[in-house]
């Protein structure tokens, strides 16, 4: 029993000694910089790659800021159908009845009837149907397309109350989840 108590006391002393030594060593080490801080330090030393990396970080920060601002301003856009929950999505070319499509230089996909009349445009994070004289057929197709793209539900955006009412009415009549 005496040997056991002596061993426990020695063990506790070793544990306490180890804690003190670790604490002293931690205090001697300088804090580890973040990757951005490290790149900035390397750039201050004249490293060309680090300077280029900082420019890339600044550009990326600006792109992220603009994307965030665009998402916040999306509700101010007129006559659009959006996903119920904000999400990143890209425009896609999908078969949608007899509609034809064309892809713009910016990647947006515009769908149109065979006679050339525009129906709606897939901009990735929203489906825009900005025409005032949009036919019921075009509006119904845009609702179906949106429901297929965002199966978790839809949200209607825009300042035009008549447009919102038409979309809701058509979605309910068609059984499209909104």
N, C-alpha and C. Protein backbone atom coordinates (compact mmCIF):
# COMPACT_ATOMS: atom_id res chain seq x y z
N UNK A 1 0.82 -1.18 0.00
CA UNK A 1 0.00 0.00 0.00
C UNK A 1 0.88 1.26 0.00
N UNK A 2 1.98 1.20 0.77
CA UNK A 2 2.90 2.33 0.85
C UNK A 2 3.54 2.59 -0.52
N UNK A 3 3.92 1.53 -1.21
CA UNK A 3 4.54 1.66 -2.54
C UNK A 3 3.54 2.27 -3.52
N UNK A 4 2.26 1.86 -3.42
CA UNK A 4 1.24 2.37 -4.31
C UNK A 4 1.04 3.87 -4.08
N UNK A 5 0.97 4.31 -2.84
CA UNK A 5 0.78 5.73 -2.52
C UNK A 5 1.98 6.55 -2.97
N UNK A 6 3.18 5.99 -2.79
CA UNK A 6 4.40 6.68 -3.22
C UNK A 6 4.40 6.83 -4.74
N UNK A 7 4.00 5.78 -5.44
CA UNK A 7 3.96 5.82 -6.91
C UNK A 7 2.95 6.86 -7.40
N UNK A 8 1.79 6.94 -6.75
CA UNK A 8 0.77 7.92 -7.15
C UNK A 8 1.27 9.35 -6.93
N UNK A 9 1.96 9.58 -5.84
CA UNK A 9 2.50 10.91 -5.54
C UNK A 9 3.55 11.30 -6.57
N UNK A 10 4.44 10.36 -6.88
CA UNK A 10 5.49 10.62 -7.88
C UNK A 10 4.85 10.88 -9.25
N UNK A 11 3.82 10.11 -9.57
CA UNK A 11 3.12 10.28 -10.85
C UNK A 11 2.50 11.68 -10.94
N UNK A 12 1.82 12.12 -9.88
CA UNK A 12 1.21 13.45 -9.86
C UNK A 12 2.27 14.55 -10.01
N UNK A 13 3.43 14.34 -9.37
CA UNK A 13 4.51 15.32 -9.49
C UNK A 13 5.03 15.39 -10.93
N UNK A 14 5.14 14.21 -11.59
CA UNK A 14 5.60 14.18 -12.99
C UNK A 14 4.60 14.88 -13.92
N UNK A 15 3.33 14.64 -13.68
CA UNK A 15 2.29 15.28 -14.49
C UNK A 15 2.36 16.79 -14.34
N UNK A 16 2.49 17.27 -13.11
CA UNK A 16 2.57 18.72 -12.86
C UNK A 16 3.83 19.31 -13.49
N UNK A 17 4.94 18.58 -13.39
CA UNK A 17 6.19 19.05 -13.98
C UNK A 17 6.06 19.13 -15.51
N UNK A 18 5.42 18.15 -16.11
CA UNK A 18 5.22 18.14 -17.56
C UNK A 18 4.36 19.32 -17.99
N UNK A 19 3.29 19.60 -17.25
CA UNK A 19 2.42 20.75 -17.56
C UNK A 19 3.21 22.06 -17.53
N UNK A 20 4.06 22.23 -16.52
CA UNK A 20 4.85 23.46 -16.41
C UNK A 20 5.82 23.60 -17.58
N UNK A 21 6.47 22.48 -17.94
CA UNK A 21 7.43 22.52 -19.05
C UNK A 21 6.72 22.85 -20.36
N UNK A 22 5.56 22.26 -20.61
CA UNK A 22 4.81 22.56 -21.83
C UNK A 22 4.39 24.02 -21.87
N UNK A 23 3.96 24.54 -20.74
CA UNK A 23 3.54 25.93 -20.67
C UNK A 23 4.72 26.86 -20.98
N UNK A 24 5.89 26.56 -20.41
CA UNK A 24 7.07 27.38 -20.68
C UNK A 24 7.45 27.32 -22.15
N UNK A 25 7.39 26.15 -22.76
CA UNK A 25 7.75 26.01 -24.17
C UNK A 25 6.75 26.74 -25.07
N UNK A 26 5.46 26.66 -24.73
CA UNK A 26 4.45 27.38 -25.50
C UNK A 26 4.70 28.89 -25.45
N UNK A 27 5.09 29.39 -24.29
CA UNK A 27 5.35 30.82 -24.14
C UNK A 27 6.56 31.25 -24.97
N UNK A 28 7.51 30.35 -25.20
CA UNK A 28 8.70 30.67 -25.98
C UNK A 28 8.41 30.73 -27.48
N UNK A 29 7.42 29.96 -27.93
CA UNK A 29 7.09 29.93 -29.36
C UNK A 29 6.26 31.14 -29.74
N UNK A 30 6.52 31.67 -30.91
CA UNK A 30 5.69 32.77 -31.40
C UNK A 30 4.40 32.18 -31.97
N UNK A 31 3.33 32.95 -31.96
CA UNK A 31 2.06 32.42 -32.47
C UNK A 31 2.17 32.12 -33.97
N UNK A 32 1.49 31.09 -34.40
CA UNK A 32 1.51 30.69 -35.81
C UNK A 32 0.60 31.63 -36.59
N UNK A 33 1.12 32.28 -37.62
CA UNK A 33 0.28 33.22 -38.39
C UNK A 33 -0.70 32.46 -39.28
N UNK A 34 -1.80 33.15 -39.65
CA UNK A 34 -2.73 32.57 -40.61
C UNK A 34 -2.04 32.54 -41.97
N UNK A 35 -2.62 31.83 -42.90
CA UNK A 35 -1.99 31.73 -44.21
C UNK A 35 -1.90 33.09 -44.89
N UNK A 36 -2.93 33.90 -44.73
CA UNK A 36 -2.90 35.23 -45.34
C UNK A 36 -1.81 36.09 -44.71
N UNK A 37 -1.68 36.04 -43.38
CA UNK A 37 -0.63 36.80 -42.70
C UNK A 37 0.75 36.35 -43.16
N UNK A 38 0.92 35.03 -43.33
CA UNK A 38 2.20 34.51 -43.76
C UNK A 38 2.53 34.99 -45.17
N UNK A 39 1.52 34.96 -46.06
CA UNK A 39 1.75 35.42 -47.44
C UNK A 39 2.10 36.91 -47.43
N UNK A 40 1.42 37.69 -46.59
CA UNK A 40 1.73 39.12 -46.49
C UNK A 40 3.16 39.33 -46.00
N UNK A 41 3.60 38.53 -45.05
CA UNK A 41 4.98 38.63 -44.56
C UNK A 41 5.97 38.32 -45.68
N UNK A 42 5.67 37.28 -46.45
CA UNK A 42 6.55 36.89 -47.55
C UNK A 42 6.59 38.00 -48.62
N UNK A 43 5.45 38.64 -48.85
CA UNK A 43 5.40 39.73 -49.83
C UNK A 43 6.25 40.90 -49.36
N UNK A 44 6.25 41.18 -48.05
CA UNK A 44 7.08 42.26 -47.50
C UNK A 44 8.56 41.97 -47.69
N UNK A 45 8.89 40.69 -47.81
CA UNK A 45 10.29 40.32 -48.05
C UNK A 45 10.65 40.37 -49.53
N UNK A 46 9.65 40.68 -50.39
CA UNK A 46 9.92 40.83 -51.81
C UNK A 46 9.63 39.60 -52.64
N UNK A 47 8.98 38.61 -52.11
CA UNK A 47 8.66 37.39 -52.85
C UNK A 47 7.60 37.69 -53.91
N UNK A 48 7.95 37.54 -55.19
CA UNK A 48 7.05 37.86 -56.30
C UNK A 48 5.80 36.98 -56.29
N UNK A 49 5.95 35.71 -55.96
CA UNK A 49 4.81 34.80 -55.91
C UNK A 49 3.83 35.23 -54.82
N UNK A 50 4.36 35.65 -53.69
CA UNK A 50 3.51 36.11 -52.59
C UNK A 50 2.78 37.39 -52.98
N UNK A 51 3.44 38.28 -53.68
CA UNK A 51 2.80 39.51 -54.13
C UNK A 51 1.65 39.18 -55.07
N UNK A 52 1.88 38.26 -55.98
CA UNK A 52 0.83 37.83 -56.90
C UNK A 52 -0.32 37.17 -56.15
N UNK A 53 0.01 36.37 -55.15
CA UNK A 53 -1.02 35.71 -54.35
C UNK A 53 -1.87 36.72 -53.59
N UNK A 54 -1.26 37.77 -53.09
CA UNK A 54 -2.02 38.82 -52.39
C UNK A 54 -2.98 39.50 -53.35
N UNK A 55 -2.51 39.80 -54.57
CA UNK A 55 -3.41 40.41 -55.55
C UNK A 55 -4.59 39.48 -55.81
N UNK A 56 -4.32 38.19 -55.94
CA UNK A 56 -5.40 37.22 -56.15
C UNK A 56 -6.37 37.20 -54.98
N UNK A 57 -5.86 37.30 -53.76
CA UNK A 57 -6.73 37.32 -52.58
C UNK A 57 -7.61 38.56 -52.56
N UNK A 58 -7.02 39.69 -52.94
CA UNK A 58 -7.79 40.94 -52.97
C UNK A 58 -8.89 40.84 -54.03
N UNK A 59 -8.55 40.32 -55.21
CA UNK A 59 -9.56 40.16 -56.26
C UNK A 59 -10.67 39.20 -55.80
N UNK A 60 -10.28 38.12 -55.14
CA UNK A 60 -11.28 37.15 -54.67
C UNK A 60 -12.18 37.78 -53.62
N UNK A 61 -11.61 38.57 -52.72
CA UNK A 61 -12.43 39.27 -51.72
C UNK A 61 -13.44 40.19 -52.40
N UNK A 62 -12.99 40.88 -53.46
CA UNK A 62 -13.88 41.78 -54.18
C UNK A 62 -14.99 40.99 -54.88
N UNK A 63 -14.65 39.86 -55.50
CA UNK A 63 -15.67 39.03 -56.15
C UNK A 63 -16.67 38.50 -55.12
N UNK A 64 -16.18 38.07 -53.97
CA UNK A 64 -17.07 37.58 -52.91
C UNK A 64 -18.01 38.69 -52.43
N UNK A 65 -17.47 39.90 -52.29
CA UNK A 65 -18.29 41.03 -51.85
C UNK A 65 -19.38 41.33 -52.87
N UNK A 66 -19.00 41.34 -54.15
CA UNK A 66 -19.98 41.62 -55.20
C UNK A 66 -21.05 40.53 -55.27
N UNK A 67 -20.66 39.28 -55.10
CA UNK A 67 -21.63 38.19 -55.10
C UNK A 67 -22.60 38.34 -53.95
N UNK A 68 -22.09 38.70 -52.79
CA UNK A 68 -22.95 38.89 -51.63
C UNK A 68 -23.91 40.05 -51.85
N UNK A 69 -23.41 41.15 -52.41
CA UNK A 69 -24.28 42.28 -52.70
C UNK A 69 -25.34 41.91 -53.72
N UNK A 70 -24.96 41.12 -54.73
CA UNK A 70 -25.93 40.70 -55.75
C UNK A 70 -27.02 39.83 -55.14
N UNK A 71 -26.63 38.94 -54.23
CA UNK A 71 -27.63 38.10 -53.57
C UNK A 71 -28.58 38.93 -52.72
N UNK A 72 -28.05 39.95 -52.05
CA UNK A 72 -28.89 40.81 -51.23
C UNK A 72 -29.82 41.66 -52.08
N UNK A 73 -29.38 42.00 -53.29
CA UNK A 73 -30.19 42.84 -54.17
C UNK A 73 -31.15 42.05 -55.04
N UNK A 74 -31.07 40.73 -54.96
CA UNK A 74 -31.89 39.90 -55.83
C UNK A 74 -33.38 40.18 -55.64
N UNK A 75 -33.82 40.48 -54.42
CA UNK A 75 -35.23 40.73 -54.17
C UNK A 75 -35.68 42.04 -54.82
N UNK A 76 -34.76 42.95 -55.10
CA UNK A 76 -35.12 44.21 -55.73
C UNK A 76 -35.32 44.03 -57.23
N UNK A 77 -34.94 42.90 -57.77
CA UNK A 77 -35.08 42.64 -59.19
C UNK A 77 -36.55 42.45 -59.55
N UNK A 78 -36.96 42.92 -60.69
CA UNK A 78 -38.36 42.75 -61.07
C UNK A 78 -38.64 41.36 -61.63
N UNK A 79 -39.82 40.87 -61.35
CA UNK A 79 -40.39 39.68 -61.96
C UNK A 79 -39.42 38.50 -62.11
N UNK A 80 -39.15 37.85 -61.01
CA UNK A 80 -38.25 36.70 -61.03
C UNK A 80 -38.79 35.60 -60.13
N UNK A 81 -38.42 34.38 -60.45
CA UNK A 81 -38.74 33.22 -59.62
C UNK A 81 -37.41 32.73 -59.08
N UNK A 82 -37.36 32.54 -57.75
CA UNK A 82 -36.12 32.16 -57.08
C UNK A 82 -36.35 30.90 -56.25
N UNK A 83 -35.26 30.25 -55.82
CA UNK A 83 -35.43 29.11 -54.91
C UNK A 83 -35.93 29.61 -53.56
N UNK A 84 -36.68 28.76 -52.85
CA UNK A 84 -37.22 29.15 -51.55
C UNK A 84 -36.09 29.50 -50.59
N UNK A 85 -35.01 28.74 -50.62
CA UNK A 85 -33.83 29.02 -49.79
C UNK A 85 -32.69 29.41 -50.70
N UNK A 86 -31.97 30.49 -50.40
CA UNK A 86 -30.87 30.91 -51.27
C UNK A 86 -29.86 29.78 -51.46
N UNK A 87 -29.46 29.59 -52.70
CA UNK A 87 -28.48 28.55 -53.01
C UNK A 87 -27.76 28.90 -54.30
N UNK A 88 -26.56 28.39 -54.41
CA UNK A 88 -25.79 28.59 -55.63
C UNK A 88 -26.24 27.58 -56.66
N UNK A 89 -26.55 28.03 -57.84
CA UNK A 89 -26.88 27.12 -58.92
C UNK A 89 -26.49 27.79 -60.23
N UNK A 90 -26.12 26.98 -61.17
CA UNK A 90 -25.71 27.49 -62.47
C UNK A 90 -26.86 27.34 -63.46
N UNK A 91 -26.88 28.19 -64.50
CA UNK A 91 -27.88 28.00 -65.54
C UNK A 91 -27.60 26.71 -66.28
N UNK A 92 -28.66 26.03 -66.66
CA UNK A 92 -28.51 24.78 -67.40
C UNK A 92 -29.43 24.78 -68.60
N UNK A 93 -29.02 24.08 -69.63
CA UNK A 93 -29.89 23.87 -70.77
C UNK A 93 -30.68 22.60 -70.47
N UNK A 94 -32.01 22.74 -70.42
CA UNK A 94 -32.88 21.60 -70.14
C UNK A 94 -33.95 21.54 -71.21
N UNK A 95 -34.38 20.35 -71.52
CA UNK A 95 -35.46 20.15 -72.46
C UNK A 95 -36.74 20.63 -71.78
N UNK A 96 -37.45 21.54 -72.40
CA UNK A 96 -38.65 22.12 -71.80
C UNK A 96 -39.71 22.26 -72.89
N UNK A 97 -40.43 21.18 -73.11
CA UNK A 97 -41.48 21.20 -74.14
C UNK A 97 -40.91 21.50 -75.50
N UNK A 98 -41.60 22.38 -76.24
CA UNK A 98 -41.17 22.73 -77.60
C UNK A 98 -40.25 23.95 -77.61
N UNK A 99 -39.86 24.41 -76.46
CA UNK A 99 -39.04 25.62 -76.38
C UNK A 99 -37.64 25.40 -76.94
N UNK A 100 -37.16 26.41 -77.63
CA UNK A 100 -35.77 26.45 -78.04
C UNK A 100 -34.98 27.25 -77.03
N UNK A 101 -33.67 27.25 -77.15
CA UNK A 101 -32.85 27.98 -76.19
C UNK A 101 -31.62 28.53 -76.88
N UNK A 102 -31.07 29.55 -76.26
CA UNK A 102 -29.78 30.08 -76.70
C UNK A 102 -29.00 30.52 -75.47
N UNK A 103 -27.69 30.34 -75.54
CA UNK A 103 -26.82 30.68 -74.42
C UNK A 103 -26.10 31.97 -74.74
N UNK A 104 -26.20 32.94 -73.84
CA UNK A 104 -25.53 34.22 -74.02
C UNK A 104 -24.04 34.09 -73.65
N UNK A 105 -23.26 35.11 -73.96
CA UNK A 105 -21.84 35.10 -73.64
C UNK A 105 -21.57 35.02 -72.14
N UNK A 106 -22.53 35.53 -71.33
CA UNK A 106 -22.34 35.49 -69.88
C UNK A 106 -22.83 34.18 -69.26
N UNK A 107 -23.29 33.24 -70.10
CA UNK A 107 -23.69 31.92 -69.61
C UNK A 107 -25.17 31.78 -69.31
N UNK A 108 -25.92 32.86 -69.40
CA UNK A 108 -27.36 32.79 -69.13
C UNK A 108 -28.05 32.09 -70.30
N UNK A 109 -29.06 31.30 -69.97
CA UNK A 109 -29.78 30.54 -70.98
C UNK A 109 -31.16 31.16 -71.15
N UNK A 110 -31.48 31.60 -72.37
CA UNK A 110 -32.77 32.19 -72.67
C UNK A 110 -33.59 31.17 -73.45
N UNK A 111 -34.80 30.92 -72.97
CA UNK A 111 -35.71 29.98 -73.63
C UNK A 111 -36.72 30.77 -74.44
N UNK A 112 -37.10 30.23 -75.61
CA UNK A 112 -38.03 30.92 -76.49
C UNK A 112 -38.92 29.93 -77.23
N UNK A 113 -40.10 30.41 -77.59
CA UNK A 113 -41.03 29.62 -78.37
C UNK A 113 -40.48 29.43 -79.78
N UNK A 114 -40.99 28.46 -80.54
CA UNK A 114 -40.51 28.26 -81.91
C UNK A 114 -40.65 29.51 -82.79
N UNK A 115 -41.63 30.37 -82.49
CA UNK A 115 -41.79 31.58 -83.31
C UNK A 115 -40.80 32.68 -82.92
N UNK A 116 -39.95 32.44 -81.89
CA UNK A 116 -38.92 33.40 -81.50
C UNK A 116 -39.27 34.25 -80.30
N UNK A 117 -40.52 34.19 -79.82
CA UNK A 117 -40.90 34.98 -78.64
C UNK A 117 -40.21 34.42 -77.40
N UNK A 118 -39.59 35.32 -76.63
CA UNK A 118 -38.88 34.92 -75.42
C UNK A 118 -39.87 34.55 -74.32
N UNK A 119 -39.56 33.47 -73.58
CA UNK A 119 -40.42 33.04 -72.48
C UNK A 119 -39.80 33.43 -71.15
N UNK A 120 -38.61 32.92 -70.86
CA UNK A 120 -37.93 33.22 -69.60
C UNK A 120 -36.44 33.01 -69.77
N UNK A 121 -35.67 33.48 -68.78
CA UNK A 121 -34.22 33.36 -68.84
C UNK A 121 -33.72 32.74 -67.54
N UNK A 122 -32.91 31.68 -67.65
CA UNK A 122 -32.27 31.04 -66.50
C UNK A 122 -30.95 31.75 -66.26
N UNK A 123 -30.88 32.48 -65.14
CA UNK A 123 -29.67 33.21 -64.80
C UNK A 123 -28.87 32.51 -63.70
N UNK A 124 -29.22 31.29 -63.42
CA UNK A 124 -28.51 30.54 -62.39
C UNK A 124 -29.24 30.60 -61.07
N UNK A 125 -29.13 31.72 -60.37
CA UNK A 125 -29.74 31.85 -59.05
C UNK A 125 -31.19 32.34 -59.13
N UNK A 126 -31.68 32.60 -60.35
CA UNK A 126 -33.06 33.05 -60.52
C UNK A 126 -33.51 32.80 -61.95
N UNK A 127 -34.81 32.77 -62.11
CA UNK A 127 -35.43 32.69 -63.42
C UNK A 127 -36.15 34.01 -63.62
N UNK A 128 -35.76 34.78 -64.63
CA UNK A 128 -36.38 36.08 -64.85
C UNK A 128 -37.40 35.98 -65.97
N UNK A 129 -38.51 36.67 -65.76
CA UNK A 129 -39.57 36.72 -66.75
C UNK A 129 -40.03 38.17 -66.84
N UNK A 130 -39.12 39.03 -67.22
CA UNK A 130 -39.32 40.46 -67.12
C UNK A 130 -40.29 41.09 -68.09
N UNK A 131 -40.84 40.36 -69.03
CA UNK A 131 -41.73 40.97 -70.00
C UNK A 131 -43.09 41.25 -69.38
N UNK A 132 -43.63 42.41 -69.65
CA UNK A 132 -44.96 42.76 -69.12
C UNK A 132 -46.05 41.96 -69.82
N UNK A 133 -45.96 41.78 -71.11
CA UNK A 133 -47.00 41.09 -71.86
C UNK A 133 -46.75 39.60 -71.97
N UNK A 134 -46.19 39.00 -70.94
CA UNK A 134 -45.85 37.58 -70.95
C UNK A 134 -47.12 36.73 -71.01
N UNK A 135 -47.17 35.79 -71.91
CA UNK A 135 -48.36 34.95 -72.07
C UNK A 135 -48.48 33.97 -70.90
N UNK A 136 -49.69 33.46 -70.71
CA UNK A 136 -49.92 32.48 -69.66
C UNK A 136 -49.11 31.21 -69.91
N UNK A 137 -48.99 30.81 -71.19
CA UNK A 137 -48.21 29.61 -71.52
C UNK A 137 -46.75 29.78 -71.10
N UNK A 138 -46.18 30.94 -71.41
CA UNK A 138 -44.78 31.19 -71.05
C UNK A 138 -44.60 31.21 -69.55
N UNK A 139 -45.55 31.81 -68.84
CA UNK A 139 -45.47 31.88 -67.39
C UNK A 139 -45.59 30.49 -66.77
N UNK A 140 -46.49 29.67 -67.30
CA UNK A 140 -46.67 28.31 -66.81
C UNK A 140 -45.40 27.48 -67.04
N UNK A 141 -44.80 27.63 -68.23
CA UNK A 141 -43.56 26.90 -68.51
C UNK A 141 -42.44 27.34 -67.58
N UNK A 142 -42.37 28.64 -67.28
CA UNK A 142 -41.32 29.12 -66.37
C UNK A 142 -41.54 28.57 -64.97
N UNK A 143 -42.80 28.45 -64.53
CA UNK A 143 -43.10 27.86 -63.22
C UNK A 143 -42.68 26.39 -63.17
N UNK A 144 -43.02 25.65 -64.21
CA UNK A 144 -42.66 24.22 -64.26
C UNK A 144 -41.14 24.04 -64.27
N UNK A 145 -40.47 24.85 -65.08
CA UNK A 145 -39.02 24.78 -65.17
C UNK A 145 -38.39 25.08 -63.82
N UNK A 146 -38.88 26.13 -63.16
CA UNK A 146 -38.34 26.52 -61.85
C UNK A 146 -38.58 25.43 -60.81
N UNK A 147 -39.78 24.84 -60.83
CA UNK A 147 -40.10 23.78 -59.87
C UNK A 147 -39.21 22.56 -60.08
N UNK A 148 -38.87 22.29 -61.34
CA UNK A 148 -37.98 21.16 -61.61
C UNK A 148 -36.55 21.48 -61.17
N UNK A 149 -36.13 22.72 -61.35
CA UNK A 149 -34.77 23.13 -61.00
C UNK A 149 -34.58 23.19 -59.49
N UNK A 150 -35.55 23.77 -58.77
CA UNK A 150 -35.45 23.92 -57.33
C UNK A 150 -36.59 23.14 -56.68
N UNK A 151 -36.36 21.92 -56.36
CA UNK A 151 -37.42 21.04 -55.87
C UNK A 151 -37.79 21.30 -54.41
N UNK A 152 -37.02 22.13 -53.71
CA UNK A 152 -37.33 22.44 -52.32
C UNK A 152 -38.35 23.57 -52.18
N UNK A 153 -38.80 24.13 -53.28
CA UNK A 153 -39.80 25.20 -53.25
C UNK A 153 -39.32 26.44 -53.96
N UNK A 154 -40.27 27.34 -54.23
CA UNK A 154 -39.99 28.54 -54.98
C UNK A 154 -40.37 29.78 -54.19
N UNK A 155 -39.77 30.89 -54.59
CA UNK A 155 -40.09 32.19 -54.01
C UNK A 155 -40.26 33.15 -55.18
N UNK A 156 -41.24 34.01 -55.11
CA UNK A 156 -41.52 34.94 -56.20
C UNK A 156 -41.03 36.32 -55.78
N UNK A 157 -40.32 36.96 -56.70
CA UNK A 157 -39.72 38.26 -56.41
C UNK A 157 -40.19 39.27 -57.44
N UNK A 158 -40.18 40.52 -57.06
CA UNK A 158 -40.52 41.59 -57.99
C UNK A 158 -41.53 42.53 -57.39
N UNK A 159 -41.60 43.71 -57.94
CA UNK A 159 -42.50 44.72 -57.42
C UNK A 159 -43.88 44.69 -58.05
N UNK A 160 -44.06 43.85 -59.06
CA UNK A 160 -45.32 43.79 -59.79
C UNK A 160 -46.27 42.81 -59.10
N UNK A 161 -47.28 43.35 -58.41
CA UNK A 161 -48.23 42.51 -57.67
C UNK A 161 -49.02 41.62 -58.61
N UNK A 162 -49.37 42.12 -59.79
CA UNK A 162 -50.14 41.33 -60.76
C UNK A 162 -49.33 40.11 -61.20
N UNK A 163 -48.03 40.31 -61.42
CA UNK A 163 -47.17 39.20 -61.80
C UNK A 163 -47.16 38.13 -60.72
N UNK A 164 -46.97 38.55 -59.47
CA UNK A 164 -46.94 37.60 -58.36
C UNK A 164 -48.24 36.83 -58.27
N UNK A 165 -49.34 37.52 -58.42
CA UNK A 165 -50.65 36.88 -58.34
C UNK A 165 -50.83 35.86 -59.46
N UNK A 166 -50.39 36.22 -60.67
CA UNK A 166 -50.50 35.29 -61.81
C UNK A 166 -49.66 34.04 -61.57
N UNK A 167 -48.43 34.23 -61.09
CA UNK A 167 -47.55 33.08 -60.86
C UNK A 167 -48.16 32.14 -59.82
N UNK A 168 -48.64 32.70 -58.71
CA UNK A 168 -49.23 31.87 -57.67
C UNK A 168 -50.45 31.14 -58.18
N UNK A 169 -51.33 31.86 -58.89
CA UNK A 169 -52.54 31.25 -59.43
C UNK A 169 -52.20 30.10 -60.37
N UNK A 170 -51.26 30.33 -61.29
CA UNK A 170 -50.90 29.30 -62.25
C UNK A 170 -50.21 28.11 -61.58
N UNK A 171 -49.38 28.38 -60.59
CA UNK A 171 -48.70 27.30 -59.90
C UNK A 171 -49.71 26.44 -59.14
N UNK A 172 -50.69 27.07 -58.52
CA UNK A 172 -51.71 26.31 -57.79
C UNK A 172 -52.56 25.49 -58.75
N UNK A 173 -52.98 26.10 -59.87
CA UNK A 173 -53.79 25.37 -60.85
C UNK A 173 -53.02 24.20 -61.45
N UNK A 174 -51.73 24.39 -61.64
CA UNK A 174 -50.89 23.34 -62.25
C UNK A 174 -50.41 22.33 -61.22
N UNK A 175 -50.48 22.67 -59.95
CA UNK A 175 -49.98 21.78 -58.90
C UNK A 175 -48.48 21.91 -58.68
N UNK A 176 -47.89 23.01 -59.13
CA UNK A 176 -46.48 23.26 -58.95
C UNK A 176 -46.23 23.72 -57.52
N UNK A 177 -45.27 23.08 -56.79
CA UNK A 177 -45.00 23.52 -55.42
C UNK A 177 -44.31 24.88 -55.39
N UNK A 178 -44.82 25.80 -54.57
CA UNK A 178 -44.19 27.11 -54.43
C UNK A 178 -43.86 27.37 -52.98
